[in-house]
């Protein structure tokens, strides 16, 4: 669901958005361009957060010990 908001942009940023939006094909408007850019940025931020969390888990000896114990349970052949 889309929601209408009002934002304030510097003139040079608005000119950049307008230029990029005009060459953006199917989303050739400000809203479509800004939505696409923010969607890509959100994906990158979430990816970085997941990588940081996984790296933290990989460096946590207690967590790794627990995973090793679960690997033994899963691999014991009990169905």
N, C-alpha and C. Protein backbone atom coordinates (compact mmCIF):
# COMPACT_ATOMS: atom_id res chain seq x y z
N UNK A 1 0.84 -1.17 0.00
CA UNK A 1 0.00 0.00 0.00
C UNK A 1 0.89 1.24 0.00
N UNK A 2 0.66 2.09 -0.94
CA UNK A 2 1.44 3.33 -1.03
C UNK A 2 0.79 4.41 -0.17
N UNK A 3 1.62 5.27 0.34
CA UNK A 3 1.13 6.37 1.18
C UNK A 3 1.78 7.66 0.69
N UNK A 4 0.99 8.69 0.56
CA UNK A 4 1.48 9.97 0.08
C UNK A 4 2.12 10.74 1.23
N UNK A 5 3.34 11.26 1.00
CA UNK A 5 4.06 12.06 1.99
C UNK A 5 4.63 13.29 1.30
N UNK A 6 5.03 14.24 2.11
CA UNK A 6 5.68 15.44 1.59
C UNK A 6 7.09 15.48 2.14
N UNK A 7 8.06 15.71 1.25
CA UNK A 7 9.45 15.84 1.68
C UNK A 7 10.04 17.11 1.08
N UNK A 8 11.11 17.56 1.66
CA UNK A 8 11.81 18.75 1.15
C UNK A 8 13.18 18.32 0.66
N UNK A 9 13.49 18.68 -0.57
CA UNK A 9 14.78 18.34 -1.18
C UNK A 9 15.49 19.61 -1.62
N UNK A 10 16.81 19.58 -1.58
CA UNK A 10 17.60 20.66 -2.16
C UNK A 10 17.34 20.69 -3.66
N UNK A 11 17.44 21.87 -4.25
CA UNK A 11 17.16 22.02 -5.68
C UNK A 11 18.02 21.11 -6.54
N UNK A 12 19.31 21.00 -6.21
CA UNK A 12 20.18 20.17 -7.03
C UNK A 12 19.82 18.69 -6.91
N UNK A 13 19.36 18.26 -5.73
CA UNK A 13 18.93 16.88 -5.55
C UNK A 13 17.66 16.63 -6.35
N UNK A 14 16.72 17.57 -6.32
CA UNK A 14 15.48 17.43 -7.07
C UNK A 14 15.76 17.37 -8.57
N UNK A 15 16.68 18.19 -9.04
CA UNK A 15 17.04 18.17 -10.46
C UNK A 15 17.63 16.81 -10.83
N UNK A 16 18.46 16.27 -9.96
CA UNK A 16 19.04 14.94 -10.19
C UNK A 16 17.94 13.88 -10.24
N UNK A 17 17.03 13.92 -9.28
CA UNK A 17 15.93 12.94 -9.24
C UNK A 17 15.09 13.04 -10.51
N UNK A 18 14.76 14.25 -10.91
CA UNK A 18 13.96 14.43 -12.13
C UNK A 18 14.68 13.87 -13.35
N UNK A 19 15.97 14.14 -13.45
CA UNK A 19 16.74 13.65 -14.60
C UNK A 19 16.79 12.13 -14.60
N UNK A 20 17.06 11.53 -13.46
CA UNK A 20 17.15 10.07 -13.35
C UNK A 20 15.78 9.43 -13.57
N UNK A 21 14.74 10.04 -13.02
CA UNK A 21 13.39 9.49 -13.16
C UNK A 21 12.96 9.49 -14.62
N UNK A 22 13.32 10.54 -15.35
CA UNK A 22 12.94 10.64 -16.76
C UNK A 22 13.57 9.53 -17.60
N UNK A 23 14.73 9.05 -17.17
CA UNK A 23 15.41 8.00 -17.94
C UNK A 23 15.21 6.61 -17.32
N UNK A 24 14.24 6.50 -16.40
CA UNK A 24 14.06 5.26 -15.65
C UNK A 24 13.03 4.31 -16.28
N UNK A 25 12.56 4.60 -17.47
CA UNK A 25 11.66 3.69 -18.16
C UNK A 25 10.30 3.57 -17.51
N UNK A 26 10.00 2.36 -17.02
CA UNK A 26 8.65 2.09 -16.52
C UNK A 26 8.27 2.89 -15.28
N UNK A 27 9.23 3.33 -14.49
CA UNK A 27 8.92 4.16 -13.32
C UNK A 27 9.40 5.58 -13.58
N UNK A 28 8.96 6.15 -14.70
CA UNK A 28 9.45 7.46 -15.12
C UNK A 28 8.72 8.59 -14.39
N UNK A 29 8.82 8.59 -13.07
CA UNK A 29 8.30 9.70 -12.27
C UNK A 29 9.10 9.76 -10.98
N UNK A 30 9.00 10.88 -10.30
CA UNK A 30 9.77 11.08 -9.07
C UNK A 30 9.48 9.99 -8.03
N UNK A 31 8.21 9.76 -7.78
CA UNK A 31 7.84 8.81 -6.75
C UNK A 31 8.37 7.41 -7.06
N UNK A 32 8.21 6.99 -8.29
CA UNK A 32 8.69 5.67 -8.68
C UNK A 32 10.20 5.55 -8.53
N UNK A 33 10.92 6.59 -8.97
CA UNK A 33 12.38 6.56 -8.87
C UNK A 33 12.83 6.53 -7.41
N UNK A 34 12.27 7.43 -6.59
CA UNK A 34 12.67 7.49 -5.18
C UNK A 34 12.31 6.18 -4.48
N UNK A 35 11.15 5.62 -4.78
CA UNK A 35 10.75 4.35 -4.17
C UNK A 35 11.73 3.24 -4.56
N UNK A 36 12.14 3.19 -5.83
CA UNK A 36 13.11 2.19 -6.27
C UNK A 36 14.45 2.34 -5.56
N UNK A 37 14.93 3.57 -5.47
CA UNK A 37 16.23 3.83 -4.83
C UNK A 37 16.18 3.44 -3.35
N UNK A 38 15.12 3.83 -2.66
CA UNK A 38 15.01 3.50 -1.24
C UNK A 38 14.81 2.01 -1.01
N UNK A 39 14.11 1.36 -1.91
CA UNK A 39 13.94 -0.09 -1.81
C UNK A 39 15.28 -0.81 -1.94
N UNK A 40 16.10 -0.38 -2.89
CA UNK A 40 17.44 -0.97 -3.06
C UNK A 40 18.30 -0.69 -1.83
N UNK A 41 18.22 0.51 -1.31
CA UNK A 41 19.00 0.88 -0.12
C UNK A 41 18.58 0.03 1.08
N UNK A 42 17.28 -0.12 1.25
CA UNK A 42 16.77 -0.94 2.37
C UNK A 42 17.29 -2.37 2.26
N UNK A 43 17.28 -2.93 1.05
CA UNK A 43 17.79 -4.29 0.84
C UNK A 43 19.26 -4.38 1.23
N UNK A 44 20.06 -3.39 0.86
CA UNK A 44 21.49 -3.38 1.21
C UNK A 44 21.69 -3.27 2.72
N UNK A 45 20.90 -2.43 3.38
CA UNK A 45 21.02 -2.26 4.83
C UNK A 45 20.65 -3.55 5.54
N UNK A 46 19.55 -4.18 5.14
CA UNK A 46 19.13 -5.43 5.77
C UNK A 46 20.16 -6.54 5.53
N UNK A 47 20.72 -6.57 4.34
CA UNK A 47 21.76 -7.57 4.04
C UNK A 47 22.98 -7.36 4.93
N UNK A 48 23.39 -6.11 5.10
CA UNK A 48 24.54 -5.81 5.96
C UNK A 48 24.25 -6.20 7.41
N UNK A 49 23.02 -5.95 7.87
CA UNK A 49 22.65 -6.32 9.23
C UNK A 49 22.67 -7.84 9.42
N UNK A 50 22.18 -8.58 8.41
CA UNK A 50 22.20 -10.05 8.50
C UNK A 50 23.63 -10.57 8.52
N UNK A 51 24.47 -10.02 7.67
CA UNK A 51 25.87 -10.45 7.63
C UNK A 51 26.55 -10.17 8.97
N UNK A 52 26.27 -9.01 9.56
CA UNK A 52 26.86 -8.67 10.86
C UNK A 52 26.39 -9.65 11.93
N UNK A 53 25.11 -10.00 11.91
CA UNK A 53 24.58 -10.94 12.91
C UNK A 53 25.19 -12.33 12.72
N UNK A 54 25.30 -12.77 11.49
CA UNK A 54 25.90 -14.08 11.22
C UNK A 54 27.38 -14.11 11.59
N UNK A 55 28.07 -13.02 11.34
CA UNK A 55 29.49 -12.92 11.70
C UNK A 55 29.65 -12.96 13.22
N UNK A 56 28.75 -12.28 13.92
CA UNK A 56 28.78 -12.30 15.38
C UNK A 56 28.56 -13.73 15.90
N UNK A 57 27.59 -14.43 15.32
CA UNK A 57 27.34 -15.83 15.71
C UNK A 57 28.55 -16.72 15.40
N UNK A 58 29.16 -16.50 14.26
CA UNK A 58 30.32 -17.32 13.87
C UNK A 58 31.49 -17.11 14.82
N UNK A 59 31.58 -15.94 15.43
CA UNK A 59 32.68 -15.63 16.34
C UNK A 59 32.34 -15.88 17.81
N UNK A 60 31.15 -16.42 18.08
CA UNK A 60 30.70 -16.68 19.44
C UNK A 60 30.94 -18.15 19.77
N UNK A 61 31.93 -18.44 20.63
CA UNK A 61 32.25 -19.84 20.93
C UNK A 61 31.09 -20.62 21.55
N UNK A 62 30.32 -19.98 22.42
CA UNK A 62 29.17 -20.66 23.02
C UNK A 62 28.15 -21.06 21.97
N UNK A 63 27.87 -20.15 21.06
CA UNK A 63 26.92 -20.44 19.98
C UNK A 63 27.44 -21.57 19.10
N UNK A 64 28.71 -21.53 18.76
CA UNK A 64 29.29 -22.58 17.92
C UNK A 64 29.25 -23.94 18.62
N UNK A 65 29.46 -23.94 19.93
CA UNK A 65 29.39 -25.19 20.70
C UNK A 65 27.95 -25.75 20.65
N UNK A 66 26.98 -24.88 20.81
CA UNK A 66 25.58 -25.31 20.76
C UNK A 66 25.23 -25.86 19.38
N UNK A 67 25.70 -25.22 18.34
CA UNK A 67 25.45 -25.70 16.98
C UNK A 67 26.08 -27.08 16.79
N UNK A 68 27.29 -27.27 17.29
CA UNK A 68 27.96 -28.56 17.17
C UNK A 68 27.16 -29.65 17.89
N UNK A 69 26.60 -29.32 19.06
CA UNK A 69 25.78 -30.29 19.78
C UNK A 69 24.52 -30.64 18.99
N UNK A 70 23.89 -29.65 18.39
CA UNK A 70 22.70 -29.91 17.58
C UNK A 70 23.06 -30.73 16.35
N UNK A 71 24.22 -30.51 15.76
CA UNK A 71 24.66 -31.31 14.62
C UNK A 71 24.74 -32.78 15.02
N UNK A 72 25.22 -33.06 16.22
CA UNK A 72 25.29 -34.44 16.70
C UNK A 72 23.90 -35.04 16.85
N UNK A 73 22.97 -34.27 17.39
CA UNK A 73 21.59 -34.74 17.58
C UNK A 73 20.95 -35.03 16.23
N UNK A 74 21.09 -34.12 15.31
CA UNK A 74 20.48 -34.28 13.99
C UNK A 74 21.10 -35.47 13.25
N UNK A 75 22.37 -35.68 13.44
CA UNK A 75 23.06 -36.74 12.71
C UNK A 75 23.03 -38.11 13.39
N UNK A 76 22.25 -38.27 14.47
CA UNK A 76 22.29 -39.55 15.18
C UNK A 76 21.40 -40.63 14.55
N UNK A 77 20.67 -40.28 13.54
CA UNK A 77 19.88 -41.29 12.81
C UNK A 77 18.50 -41.50 13.35
N UNK A 78 18.09 -40.80 14.37
CA UNK A 78 16.74 -40.93 14.91
C UNK A 78 15.79 -40.14 14.02
N UNK A 79 14.70 -40.76 13.65
CA UNK A 79 13.74 -40.10 12.78
C UNK A 79 12.49 -39.72 13.54
